[in-house]
Amino acid sequence: MNTDDIPKLRDYRGIKIKEGDTIQHPTGDKAKVAYDSSFEDPWRAVYEDGESLWLGNQVNEKGQAVVV
């Protein structure tokens, strides 16, 4: 993995995020961090049900997800 493979985002606590990390919301919902170039914003949070959401929205004030 090179530095281009690392999102420039940090989790809600400020921890660096890497592809393959698991993030968890305060609700207990978990997702894997993935890169998917088919999206305009390719860094994704992929949930157990298959839903893929932009990572930035998951780790900000609204989503509050942290690396576990």
C-alpha atoms as a PDB file:
ATOM      1  CA  MET A   1       0.000   0.000   0.000  1.00  0.00           C
ATOM      2  CA  ASN A   2       1.343   3.435  -0.870  1.00  0.00           C
ATOM      3  CA  THR A   3       0.195   6.799   0.471  1.00  0.00           C
ATOM      4  CA  ASP A   4      -2.287   7.155  -2.422  1.00  0.00           C
ATOM      5  CA  ASP A   5      -4.113   4.151  -0.912  1.00  0.00           C
ATOM      6  CA  ILE A   6      -4.775   5.978   2.351  1.00  0.00           C
ATOM      7  CA  PRO A   7      -7.766   8.313   2.616  1.00  0.00           C
ATOM      8  CA  LYS A   8      -6.978  11.826   3.777  1.00  0.00           C
ATOM      9  CA  LEU A   9      -9.769  11.510   6.339  1.00  0.00           C
ATOM     10  CA  ARG A  10      -9.516  10.693  10.029  1.00  0.00           C
ATOM     11  CA  ASP A  11     -12.097   9.069  12.230  1.00  0.00           C
ATOM     12  CA  TYR A  12     -14.203  11.055  14.691  1.00  0.00           C
ATOM     13  CA  ARG A  13     -11.424  10.772  17.337  1.00  0.00           C
ATOM     14  CA  GLY A  14      -8.753  11.962  14.880  1.00  0.00           C
ATOM     15  CA  ILE A  15      -7.202   8.530  14.211  1.00  0.00           C
ATOM     16  CA  LYS A  16      -5.798   7.853  10.717  1.00  0.00           C
ATOM     17  CA  ILE A  17      -7.967   5.556   8.588  1.00  0.00           C
ATOM     18  CA  LYS A  18      -6.620   2.877   6.226  1.00  0.00           C
ATOM     19  CA  GLU A  19      -8.302   0.726   3.610  1.00  0.00           C
ATOM     20  CA  GLY A  20      -9.628  -2.409   5.275  1.00  0.00           C
ATOM     21  CA  ASP A  21     -10.183  -0.768   8.671  1.00  0.00           C
ATOM     22  CA  THR A  22     -13.468  -1.336  10.447  1.00  0.00           C
ATOM     23  CA  ILE A  23     -15.316   1.740  11.677  1.00  0.00           C
ATOM     24  CA  GLN A  24     -18.132   1.772  14.196  1.00  0.00           C
ATOM     25  CA  HIS A  25     -20.841   4.336  14.920  1.00  0.00           C
ATOM     26  CA  PRO A  26     -22.098   5.102  18.440  1.00  0.00           C
ATOM     27  CA  THR A  27     -25.200   3.052  17.485  1.00  0.00           C
ATOM     28  CA  GLY A  28     -23.003  -0.040  17.062  1.00  0.00           C
ATOM     29  CA  ASP A  29     -23.310  -0.180  13.253  1.00  0.00           C
ATOM     30  CA  LYS A  30     -20.021  -1.252  11.651  1.00  0.00           C
ATOM     31  CA  ALA A  31     -18.546  -0.843   8.169  1.00  0.00           C
ATOM     32  CA  LYS A  32     -15.317  -1.700   6.340  1.00  0.00           C
ATOM     33  CA  VAL A  33     -13.300   1.094   4.743  1.00  0.00           C
ATOM     34  CA  ALA A  34     -12.905   0.478   1.011  1.00  0.00           C
ATOM     35  CA  TYR A  35     -11.731   2.271  -2.128  1.00  0.00           C
ATOM     36  CA  ASP A  36     -14.102   2.062  -5.096  1.00  0.00           C
ATOM     37  CA  SER A  37     -13.012   4.098  -8.133  1.00  0.00           C
ATOM     38  CA  SER A  38     -16.486   3.822  -9.691  1.00  0.00           C
ATOM     39  CA  PHE A  39     -17.648   6.604  -7.346  1.00  0.00           C
ATOM     40  CA  GLU A  40     -16.803  10.307  -7.612  1.00  0.00           C
ATOM     41  CA  ASP A  41     -15.802  10.139  -3.922  1.00  0.00           C
ATOM     42  CA  PRO A  42     -14.083   6.724  -3.962  1.00  0.00           C
ATOM     43  CA  TRP A  43     -13.434   6.249  -0.226  1.00  0.00           C
ATOM     44  CA  ARG A  44     -16.416   4.266   1.026  1.00  0.00           C
ATOM     45  CA  ALA A  45     -17.842   2.767   4.197  1.00  0.00           C
ATOM     46  CA  VAL A  46     -19.312  -0.598   3.212  1.00  0.00           C
ATOM     47  CA  TYR A  47     -21.844  -1.914   5.713  1.00  0.00           C
ATOM     48  CA  GLU A  48     -22.748  -5.526   6.449  1.00  0.00           C
ATOM     49  CA  ASP A  49     -25.937  -5.186   4.362  1.00  0.00           C
ATOM     50  CA  GLY A  50     -23.827  -4.123   1.352  1.00  0.00           C
ATOM     51  CA  GLU A  51     -24.702  -0.429   1.487  1.00  0.00           C
ATOM     52  CA  SER A  52     -21.763   1.719   0.367  1.00  0.00           C
ATOM     53  CA  LEU A  53     -21.659   5.319   1.647  1.00  0.00           C
ATOM     54  CA  TRP A  54     -19.076   8.081   1.303  1.00  0.00           C
ATOM     55  CA  LEU A  55     -16.580   7.680   4.147  1.00  0.00           C
ATOM     56  CA  GLY A  56     -16.427  11.413   4.907  1.00  0.00           C
ATOM     57  CA  ASN A  57     -20.051  11.519   6.002  1.00  0.00           C
ATOM     58  CA  GLN A  58     -19.555   8.550   8.302  1.00  0.00           C
ATOM     59  CA  VAL A  59     -16.653   9.957  10.328  1.00  0.00           C
ATOM     60  CA  ASN A  60     -17.786  13.580  10.645  1.00  0.00           C
ATOM     61  CA  GLU A  61     -19.918  15.208  13.356  1.00  0.00           C
ATOM     62  CA  LYS A  62     -23.070  13.561  11.997  1.00  0.00           C
ATOM     63  CA  GLY A  63     -21.804   9.962  11.699  1.00  0.00           C
ATOM     64  CA  GLN A  64     -19.232  10.008  14.513  1.00  0.00           C
ATOM     65  CA  ALA A  65     -17.711   6.661  13.451  1.00  0.00           C
ATOM     66  CA  VAL A  66     -14.359   5.582  14.876  1.00  0.00           C
ATOM     67  CA  VAL A  67     -11.819   2.913  13.924  1.00  0.00           C
ATOM     68  CA  VAL A  68     -12.226  -0.227  16.034  1.00  0.00           C
END
